């Protein structure tokens, strides 16, 4: 088993990991970045909409364009990148990091470890929504990946739960791809995303936003056939008698 020694090990090659590795290497530290995908860039690669880089580069870039700029800075800093490699374990006492990849196991002994592994979306099971578990329920990030990277539509008629920015952006994206987006539900009495995204992604396309609403049940056996939604009170509890049915084959979760 090969053992590598380095000053700084950065785990995760998204925007934060690229910036951290570049900063460490530029300060003179021997730096190694590990990324489990084929190449660094992280979720930026599937964010094809503009809006990135305004503060850093003073211009609007798409996600892939922004990632390319960050990767270019990393390459100029001479930090080393190991792609297609995942961390198996980290020993806090010896600071030994065990990794695996196509070339087999590798042991890394860094002086410092920087975690930039990003976040995970909340899955359907964590929402405690009553009903079966049919095909047709997707997190917003997964739906975005299917559409933007694999040219696959999650369905033909969709409802979105949650008005965070990615949910708003996916409402527009699905609409532009021909999916009928019947609405966006938001548990709180105000949108979760930026005002500009509410305007540009919903208002401009006539997609309704239902504030103080949530999903109370899903329907379908093999494929999703519908969703029951209801208004909620100030504590987020469904209000009896306010339920309504949405006939959809797709539910996008942005919560």
C-alpha atoms as a PDB file:
ATOM      1  CA  UNK A   1       0.000   0.000   0.000  1.00  0.00           C
ATOM      2  CA  UNK A   2       1.396   3.394  -1.037  1.00  0.00           C
ATOM      3  CA  UNK A   3       1.732   6.100   1.638  1.00  0.00           C
ATOM      4  CA  UNK A   4       1.694   9.769   0.707  1.00  0.00           C
ATOM      5  CA  UNK A   5       2.776  12.634   2.929  1.00  0.00           C
ATOM      6  CA  UNK A   6       1.514  16.173   2.439  1.00  0.00           C
ATOM      7  CA  UNK A   7       1.071  19.365   4.432  1.00  0.00           C
ATOM      8  CA  UNK A   8      -2.634  19.892   3.685  1.00  0.00           C
ATOM      9  CA  UNK A   9      -5.237  17.373   2.551  1.00  0.00           C
ATOM     10  CA  UNK A  10      -8.491  18.824   1.216  1.00  0.00           C
ATOM     11  CA  UNK A  11     -11.386  16.366   0.989  1.00  0.00           C
ATOM     12  CA  UNK A  12     -13.974  17.411  -1.588  1.00  0.00           C
ATOM     13  CA  UNK A  13     -13.485  19.209  -4.887  1.00  0.00           C
ATOM     14  CA  UNK A  14     -16.418  21.595  -4.997  1.00  0.00           C
ATOM     15  CA  UNK A  15     -16.146  25.377  -4.862  1.00  0.00           C
ATOM     16  CA  UNK A  16     -15.029  25.430  -1.222  1.00  0.00           C
ATOM     17  CA  UNK A  17     -12.484  22.659  -1.723  1.00  0.00           C
ATOM     18  CA  UNK A  18     -11.019  24.291  -4.804  1.00  0.00           C
ATOM     19  CA  UNK A  19     -10.679  27.619  -3.016  1.00  0.00           C
ATOM     20  CA  UNK A  20      -9.180  26.027   0.111  1.00  0.00           C
ATOM     21  CA  UNK A  21      -6.651  23.958  -1.840  1.00  0.00           C
ATOM     22  CA  UNK A  22      -5.658  26.954  -3.952  1.00  0.00           C
ATOM     23  CA  UNK A  23      -5.157  29.126  -0.871  1.00  0.00           C
ATOM     24  CA  UNK A  24      -3.076  26.473   0.895  1.00  0.00           C
ATOM     25  CA  UNK A  25      -0.878  25.765  -2.110  1.00  0.00           C
ATOM     26  CA  UNK A  26      -0.450  29.455  -2.879  1.00  0.00           C
ATOM     27  CA  UNK A  27       0.837  30.003   0.651  1.00  0.00           C
ATOM     28  CA  UNK A  28       3.617  27.506   0.032  1.00  0.00           C
ATOM     29  CA  UNK A  29       2.078  24.409   1.585  1.00  0.00           C
ATOM     30  CA  UNK A  30       2.262  21.072  -0.176  1.00  0.00           C
ATOM     31  CA  UNK A  31      -1.419  20.440  -0.902  1.00  0.00           C
ATOM     32  CA  UNK A  32      -3.425  17.442  -2.056  1.00  0.00           C
ATOM     33  CA  UNK A  33      -7.118  17.583  -3.002  1.00  0.00           C
ATOM     34  CA  UNK A  34      -9.237  14.413  -3.152  1.00  0.00           C
ATOM     35  CA  UNK A  35     -12.405  14.294  -5.268  1.00  0.00           C
ATOM     36  CA  UNK A  36     -14.643  11.236  -5.645  1.00  0.00           C
ATOM     37  CA  UNK A  37     -15.970  12.223  -9.096  1.00  0.00           C
ATOM     38  CA  UNK A  38     -14.058  12.107 -12.383  1.00  0.00           C
ATOM     39  CA  UNK A  39     -12.930  15.726 -11.991  1.00  0.00           C
ATOM     40  CA  UNK A  40     -13.290  18.578  -9.483  1.00  0.00           C
ATOM     41  CA  UNK A  41     -16.114  21.085  -9.719  1.00  0.00           C
ATOM     42  CA  UNK A  42     -18.752  19.568  -7.492  1.00  0.00           C
ATOM     43  CA  UNK A  43     -22.397  20.568  -7.865  1.00  0.00           C
ATOM     44  CA  UNK A  44     -21.356  23.570  -9.972  1.00  0.00           C
ATOM     45  CA  UNK A  45     -21.135  21.279 -12.996  1.00  0.00           C
ATOM     46  CA  UNK A  46     -24.908  20.749 -13.000  1.00  0.00           C
ATOM     47  CA  UNK A  47     -25.812  24.392 -12.276  1.00  0.00           C
ATOM     48  CA  UNK A  48     -25.993  25.646 -15.840  1.00  0.00           C
ATOM     49  CA  UNK A  49     -27.888  28.825 -14.931  1.00  0.00           C
ATOM     50  CA  UNK A  50     -26.010  32.145 -14.605  1.00  0.00           C
ATOM     51  CA  UNK A  51     -25.459  34.044 -11.377  1.00  0.00           C
ATOM     52  CA  UNK A  52     -22.091  32.726 -10.200  1.00  0.00           C
ATOM     53  CA  UNK A  53     -18.871  34.705  -9.882  1.00  0.00           C
ATOM     54  CA  UNK A  54     -20.401  38.157  -9.472  1.00  0.00           C
ATOM     55  CA  UNK A  55     -18.493  38.949  -6.285  1.00  0.00           C
ATOM     56  CA  UNK A  56     -15.277  37.085  -7.094  1.00  0.00           C
ATOM     57  CA  UNK A  57     -14.885  37.909 -10.788  1.00  0.00           C
ATOM     58  CA  UNK A  58     -17.258  40.870 -11.212  1.00  0.00           C
ATOM     59  CA  UNK A  59     -19.196  39.094 -13.951  1.00  0.00           C
ATOM     60  CA  UNK A  60     -22.030  36.587 -14.190  1.00  0.00           C
ATOM     61  CA  UNK A  61     -20.980  33.046 -14.990  1.00  0.00           C
ATOM     62  CA  UNK A  62     -22.763  29.717 -15.226  1.00  0.00           C
ATOM     63  CA  UNK A  63     -21.847  27.022 -12.728  1.00  0.00           C
ATOM     64  CA  UNK A  64     -19.512  25.159 -15.138  1.00  0.00           C
ATOM     65  CA  UNK A  65     -17.840  28.435 -16.143  1.00  0.00           C
ATOM     66  CA  UNK A  66     -17.321  29.357 -12.501  1.00  0.00           C
ATOM     67  CA  UNK A  67     -15.918  25.887 -11.769  1.00  0.00           C
ATOM     68  CA  UNK A  68     -13.521  26.185 -14.707  1.00  0.00           C
ATOM     69  CA  UNK A  69     -12.173  29.468 -13.332  1.00  0.00           C
ATOM     70  CA  UNK A  70     -11.613  27.895  -9.895  1.00  0.00           C
ATOM     71  CA  UNK A  71      -9.947  24.821 -11.404  1.00  0.00           C
ATOM     72  CA  UNK A  72      -7.660  27.085 -13.423  1.00  0.00           C
ATOM     73  CA  UNK A  73      -6.587  28.872 -10.245  1.00  0.00           C
ATOM     74  CA  UNK A  74      -5.982  25.518  -8.571  1.00  0.00           C
ATOM     75  CA  UNK A  75      -3.800  24.310 -11.440  1.00  0.00           C
ATOM     76  CA  UNK A  76      -1.718  27.475 -11.330  1.00  0.00           C
ATOM     77  CA  UNK A  77      -1.192  27.000  -7.595  1.00  0.00           C
ATOM     78  CA  UNK A  78       0.333  23.564  -8.334  1.00  0.00           C
ATOM     79  CA  UNK A  79      -1.803  21.725  -5.829  1.00  0.00           C
ATOM     80  CA  UNK A  80      -2.120  18.029  -6.632  1.00  0.00           C
ATOM     81  CA  UNK A  81      -5.542  16.516  -7.401  1.00  0.00           C
ATOM     82  CA  UNK A  82      -6.574  12.878  -6.973  1.00  0.00           C
ATOM     83  CA  UNK A  83      -9.913  12.269  -8.697  1.00  0.00           C
ATOM     84  CA  UNK A  84     -12.110   9.169  -8.521  1.00  0.00           C
ATOM     85  CA  UNK A  85     -10.933   8.639  -4.943  1.00  0.00           C
ATOM     86  CA  UNK A  86     -12.927   8.385  -1.720  1.00  0.00           C
ATOM     87  CA  UNK A  87     -11.918   8.530   1.933  1.00  0.00           C
ATOM     88  CA  UNK A  88     -12.566   5.361   3.917  1.00  0.00           C
ATOM     89  CA  UNK A  89     -11.353   6.417   7.363  1.00  0.00           C
ATOM     90  CA  UNK A  90      -9.409   9.010   9.294  1.00  0.00           C
ATOM     91  CA  UNK A  91      -7.500   8.173  12.462  1.00  0.00           C
ATOM     92  CA  UNK A  92      -7.646  11.275  14.693  1.00  0.00           C
ATOM     93  CA  UNK A  93      -4.641  10.160  16.734  1.00  0.00           C
ATOM     94  CA  UNK A  94      -2.183   9.307  13.980  1.00  0.00           C
ATOM     95  CA  UNK A  95      -3.795  11.541  11.315  1.00  0.00           C
ATOM     96  CA  UNK A  96      -3.644   8.659   8.885  1.00  0.00           C
ATOM     97  CA  UNK A  97      -6.228   8.914   6.095  1.00  0.00           C
ATOM     98  CA  UNK A  98      -7.169   5.731   4.245  1.00  0.00           C
ATOM     99  CA  UNK A  99      -8.531   6.201   0.714  1.00  0.00           C
ATOM    100  CA  UNK A 100      -9.675   4.020  -2.162  1.00  0.00           C
ATOM    101  CA  UNK A 101      -9.888   4.493  -5.903  1.00  0.00           C
ATOM    102  CA  UNK A 102      -9.314   2.760  -9.244  1.00  0.00           C
ATOM    103  CA  UNK A 103      -5.634   2.224  -8.412  1.00  0.00           C
ATOM    104  CA  UNK A 104      -6.479   0.580  -5.102  1.00  0.00           C
ATOM    105  CA  UNK A 105      -5.921   1.644  -1.509  1.00  0.00           C
ATOM    106  CA  UNK A 106      -3.733   4.592  -0.635  1.00  0.00           C
ATOM    107  CA  UNK A 107      -2.679   5.897   2.762  1.00  0.00           C
ATOM    108  CA  UNK A 108      -2.164   9.627   3.225  1.00  0.00           C
ATOM    109  CA  UNK A 109      -0.463  11.279   6.208  1.00  0.00           C
ATOM    110  CA  UNK A 110      -1.240  15.003   6.138  1.00  0.00           C
ATOM    111  CA  UNK A 111      -0.308  17.600   8.726  1.00  0.00           C
ATOM    112  CA  UNK A 112      -3.795  19.118   8.405  1.00  0.00           C
ATOM    113  CA  UNK A 113      -7.120  17.985   6.955  1.00  0.00           C
ATOM    114  CA  UNK A 114      -9.724  20.344   5.499  1.00  0.00           C
ATOM    115  CA  UNK A 115     -13.246  18.968   5.085  1.00  0.00           C
ATOM    116  CA  UNK A 116     -15.132  20.491   2.144  1.00  0.00           C
ATOM    117  CA  UNK A 117     -17.535  17.645   1.462  1.00  0.00           C
ATOM    118  CA  UNK A 118     -20.593  19.841   0.948  1.00  0.00           C
ATOM    119  CA  UNK A 119     -24.111  19.051   2.105  1.00  0.00           C
ATOM    120  CA  UNK A 120     -26.709  16.392   1.451  1.00  0.00           C
ATOM    121  CA  UNK A 121     -30.301  17.041   0.527  1.00  0.00           C
ATOM    122  CA  UNK A 122     -33.036  15.965   2.889  1.00  0.00           C
ATOM    123  CA  UNK A 123     -34.517  12.726   1.474  1.00  0.00           C
ATOM    124  CA  UNK A 124     -38.184  11.875   1.132  1.00  0.00           C
ATOM    125  CA  UNK A 125     -38.088   9.509   4.094  1.00  0.00           C
ATOM    126  CA  UNK A 126     -36.965  12.277   6.442  1.00  0.00           C
ATOM    127  CA  UNK A 127     -40.078  14.373   5.754  1.00  0.00           C
ATOM    128  CA  UNK A 128     -42.546  11.907   7.316  1.00  0.00           C
ATOM    129  CA  UNK A 129     -45.131  12.435   4.598  1.00  0.00           C
ATOM    130  CA  UNK A 130     -47.891   9.790   4.815  1.00  0.00           C
ATOM    131  CA  UNK A 131     -48.554   7.482   1.909  1.00  0.00           C
ATOM    132  CA  UNK A 132     -46.682   4.963  -0.248  1.00  0.00           C
ATOM    133  CA  UNK A 133     -43.257   5.434  -1.761  1.00  0.00           C
ATOM    134  CA  UNK A 134     -43.894   5.441  -5.517  1.00  0.00           C
ATOM    135  CA  UNK A 135     -41.491   6.378  -8.270  1.00  0.00           C
ATOM    136  CA  UNK A 136     -41.662  10.068  -9.090  1.00  0.00           C
ATOM    137  CA  UNK A 137     -40.366  11.756  -5.928  1.00  0.00           C
ATOM    138  CA  UNK A 138     -37.010  13.485  -6.420  1.00  0.00           C
ATOM    139  CA  UNK A 139     -34.845  15.901  -4.506  1.00  0.00           C
ATOM    140  CA  UNK A 140     -34.287  19.134  -6.405  1.00  0.00           C
ATOM    141  CA  UNK A 141     -30.576  18.423  -6.777  1.00  0.00           C
ATOM    142  CA  UNK A 142     -31.179  14.998  -8.264  1.00  0.00           C
ATOM    143  CA  UNK A 143     -33.772  16.390 -10.674  1.00  0.00           C
ATOM    144  CA  UNK A 144     -31.307  19.089 -11.683  1.00  0.00           C
ATOM    145  CA  UNK A 145     -28.619  16.486 -12.322  1.00  0.00           C
ATOM    146  CA  UNK A 146     -30.961  14.337 -14.426  1.00  0.00           C
ATOM    147  CA  UNK A 147     -32.055  17.253 -16.589  1.00  0.00           C
ATOM    148  CA  UNK A 148     -28.814  19.190 -16.967  1.00  0.00           C
ATOM    149  CA  UNK A 149     -26.235  16.403 -17.127  1.00  0.00           C
ATOM    150  CA  UNK A 150     -28.141  13.401 -18.472  1.00  0.00           C
ATOM    151  CA  UNK A 151     -30.866  15.058 -20.568  1.00  0.00           C
ATOM    152  CA  UNK A 152     -33.594  13.128 -18.732  1.00  0.00           C
ATOM    153  CA  UNK A 153     -36.921  14.518 -17.578  1.00  0.00           C
ATOM    154  CA  UNK A 154     -38.190  13.323 -14.172  1.00  0.00           C
ATOM    155  CA  UNK A 155     -41.804  13.502 -15.339  1.00  0.00           C
ATOM    156  CA  UNK A 156     -44.423  15.446 -17.271  1.00  0.00           C
ATOM    157  CA  UNK A 157     -46.462  17.223 -14.596  1.00  0.00           C
ATOM    158  CA  UNK A 158     -44.703  18.379 -11.434  1.00  0.00           C
ATOM    159  CA  UNK A 159     -45.308  19.964  -8.054  1.00  0.00           C
ATOM    160  CA  UNK A 160     -42.425  21.426  -6.061  1.00  0.00           C
ATOM    161  CA  UNK A 161     -42.292  21.365  -2.267  1.00  0.00           C
ATOM    162  CA  UNK A 162     -40.120  24.135  -0.873  1.00  0.00           C
ATOM    163  CA  UNK A 163     -39.228  27.538  -2.291  1.00  0.00           C
ATOM    164  CA  UNK A 164     -35.489  27.537  -1.717  1.00  0.00           C
ATOM    165  CA  UNK A 165     -33.413  28.871  -4.587  1.00  0.00           C
ATOM    166  CA  UNK A 166     -32.758  25.469  -6.160  1.00  0.00           C
ATOM    167  CA  UNK A 167     -36.483  24.675  -6.043  1.00  0.00           C
ATOM    168  CA  UNK A 168     -37.309  27.958  -7.761  1.00  0.00           C
ATOM    169  CA  UNK A 169     -34.588  27.441 -10.361  1.00  0.00           C
ATOM    170  CA  UNK A 170     -35.814  23.914 -11.073  1.00  0.00           C
ATOM    171  CA  UNK A 171     -39.382  25.178 -11.471  1.00  0.00           C
ATOM    172  CA  UNK A 172     -38.157  27.378 -14.316  1.00  0.00           C
ATOM    173  CA  UNK A 173     -35.855  24.722 -15.742  1.00  0.00           C
ATOM    174  CA  UNK A 174     -38.580  22.087 -15.871  1.00  0.00           C
ATOM    175  CA  UNK A 175     -41.014  24.574 -17.389  1.00  0.00           C
ATOM    176  CA  UNK A 176     -38.522  25.456 -20.134  1.00  0.00           C
ATOM    177  CA  UNK A 177     -38.070  21.743 -20.869  1.00  0.00           C
ATOM    178  CA  UNK A 178     -41.819  21.292 -21.382  1.00  0.00           C
ATOM    179  CA  UNK A 179     -42.819  19.941 -17.976  1.00  0.00           C
ATOM    180  CA  UNK A 180     -46.065  21.385 -16.621  1.00  0.00           C
ATOM    181  CA  UNK A 181     -45.181  22.828 -13.213  1.00  0.00           C
ATOM    182  CA  UNK A 182     -48.496  23.190 -11.373  1.00  0.00           C
ATOM    183  CA  UNK A 183     -47.072  25.130  -8.457  1.00  0.00           C
ATOM    184  CA  UNK A 184     -44.582  25.562  -5.639  1.00  0.00           C
ATOM    185  CA  UNK A 185     -45.582  24.931  -2.022  1.00  0.00           C
ATOM    186  CA  UNK A 186     -43.856  26.719   0.854  1.00  0.00           C
ATOM    187  CA  UNK A 187     -44.427  25.856   4.517  1.00  0.00           C
ATOM    188  CA  UNK A 188     -43.508  29.338   5.720  1.00  0.00           C
ATOM    189  CA  UNK A 189     -45.510  32.529   5.046  1.00  0.00           C
ATOM    190  CA  UNK A 190     -42.668  33.889   2.923  1.00  0.00           C
ATOM    191  CA  UNK A 191     -40.470  32.481   0.111  1.00  0.00           C
ATOM    192  CA  UNK A 192     -37.256  30.698   1.056  1.00  0.00           C
ATOM    193  CA  UNK A 193     -35.275  31.885  -1.950  1.00  0.00           C
ATOM    194  CA  UNK A 194     -34.091  35.226  -3.259  1.00  0.00           C
ATOM    195  CA  UNK A 195     -36.714  37.696  -4.445  1.00  0.00           C
ATOM    196  CA  UNK A 196     -35.071  37.856  -7.870  1.00  0.00           C
ATOM    197  CA  UNK A 197     -35.497  34.091  -8.236  1.00  0.00           C
ATOM    198  CA  UNK A 198     -39.160  34.273  -7.255  1.00  0.00           C
ATOM    199  CA  UNK A 199     -39.675  36.896  -9.972  1.00  0.00           C
ATOM    200  CA  UNK A 200     -37.475  35.362 -12.671  1.00  0.00           C
ATOM    201  CA  UNK A 201     -38.355  31.706 -12.062  1.00  0.00           C
ATOM    202  CA  UNK A 202     -42.028  31.808 -11.034  1.00  0.00           C
ATOM    203  CA  UNK A 203     -43.679  35.143 -11.786  1.00  0.00           C
ATOM    204  CA  UNK A 204     -42.211  35.464 -15.275  1.00  0.00           C
ATOM    205  CA  UNK A 205     -43.627  32.041 -16.216  1.00  0.00           C
ATOM    206  CA  UNK A 206     -46.939  32.190 -14.389  1.00  0.00           C
ATOM    207  CA  UNK A 207     -46.028  29.418 -11.924  1.00  0.00           C
ATOM    208  CA  UNK A 208     -48.091  29.852  -8.727  1.00  0.00           C
ATOM    209  CA  UNK A 209     -46.449  30.043  -5.294  1.00  0.00           C
ATOM    210  CA  UNK A 210     -48.593  28.754  -2.420  1.00  0.00           C
ATOM    211  CA  UNK A 211     -47.267  30.150   0.852  1.00  0.00           C
ATOM    212  CA  UNK A 212     -48.125  28.517   4.203  1.00  0.00           C
ATOM    213  CA  UNK A 213     -48.834  25.208   2.447  1.00  0.00           C
ATOM    214  CA  UNK A 214     -47.323  21.741   2.636  1.00  0.00           C
ATOM    215  CA  UNK A 215     -47.779  18.215   1.319  1.00  0.00           C
ATOM    216  CA  UNK A 216     -49.851  16.009   3.607  1.00  0.00           C
ATOM    217  CA  UNK A 217     -49.958  12.806   1.532  1.00  0.00           C
ATOM    218  CA  UNK A 218     -48.692  11.229  -1.667  1.00  0.00           C
ATOM    219  CA  UNK A 219     -50.638   8.776  -3.843  1.00  0.00           C
ATOM    220  CA  UNK A 220     -49.755   6.038  -6.287  1.00  0.00           C
ATOM    221  CA  UNK A 221     -48.501   2.474  -6.268  1.00  0.00           C
ATOM    222  CA  UNK A 222     -45.704   2.108  -8.801  1.00  0.00           C
ATOM    223  CA  UNK A 223     -45.704   5.711 -10.094  1.00  0.00           C
ATOM    224  CA  UNK A 224     -46.799   8.872  -8.311  1.00  0.00           C
ATOM    225  CA  UNK A 225     -50.328   9.787  -9.377  1.00  0.00           C
ATOM    226  CA  UNK A 226     -51.140  12.690  -7.095  1.00  0.00           C
ATOM    227  CA  UNK A 227     -50.356  14.742  -4.017  1.00  0.00           C
ATOM    228  CA  UNK A 228     -52.580  16.085  -1.263  1.00  0.00           C
ATOM    229  CA  UNK A 229     -51.628  19.514   0.074  1.00  0.00           C
ATOM    230  CA  UNK A 230     -53.084  21.740   2.753  1.00  0.00           C
ATOM    231  CA  UNK A 231     -52.676  25.173   4.288  1.00  0.00           C
ATOM    232  CA  UNK A 232     -50.806  25.295   7.608  1.00  0.00           C
ATOM    233  CA  UNK A 233     -51.180  27.390  10.739  1.00  0.00           C
ATOM    234  CA  UNK A 234     -48.483  29.441  12.444  1.00  0.00           C
ATOM    235  CA  UNK A 235     -46.971  26.280  13.936  1.00  0.00           C
ATOM    236  CA  UNK A 236     -46.757  24.530  10.557  1.00  0.00           C
ATOM    237  CA  UNK A 237     -49.650  22.160  11.285  1.00  0.00           C
ATOM    238  CA  UNK A 238     -52.130  21.387   8.480  1.00  0.00           C
ATOM    239  CA  UNK A 239     -55.440  23.207   8.875  1.00  0.00           C
ATOM    240  CA  UNK A 240     -58.428  20.822   8.675  1.00  0.00           C
ATOM    241  CA  UNK A 241     -60.682  21.388   5.700  1.00  0.00           C
ATOM    242  CA  UNK A 242     -58.040  23.115   3.544  1.00  0.00           C
ATOM    243  CA  UNK A 243     -56.793  20.034   1.690  1.00  0.00           C
ATOM    244  CA  UNK A 244     -56.606  20.033  -2.102  1.00  0.00           C
ATOM    245  CA  UNK A 245     -55.482  17.478  -4.655  1.00  0.00           C
ATOM    246  CA  UNK A 246     -52.805  17.938  -7.301  1.00  0.00           C
ATOM    247  CA  UNK A 247     -52.757  15.397 -10.114  1.00  0.00           C
ATOM    248  CA  UNK A 248     -49.032  15.102 -10.788  1.00  0.00           C
ATOM    249  CA  UNK A 249     -46.570  12.368 -11.682  1.00  0.00           C
ATOM    250  CA  UNK A 250     -43.601  14.143 -10.122  1.00  0.00           C
ATOM    251  CA  UNK A 251     -42.887  15.717  -6.735  1.00  0.00           C
ATOM    252  CA  UNK A 252     -39.687  17.735  -6.380  1.00  0.00           C
ATOM    253  CA  UNK A 253     -38.346  18.251  -2.852  1.00  0.00           C
ATOM    254  CA  UNK A 254     -36.502  21.494  -2.124  1.00  0.00           C
ATOM    255  CA  UNK A 255     -36.582  21.501   1.676  1.00  0.00           C
END
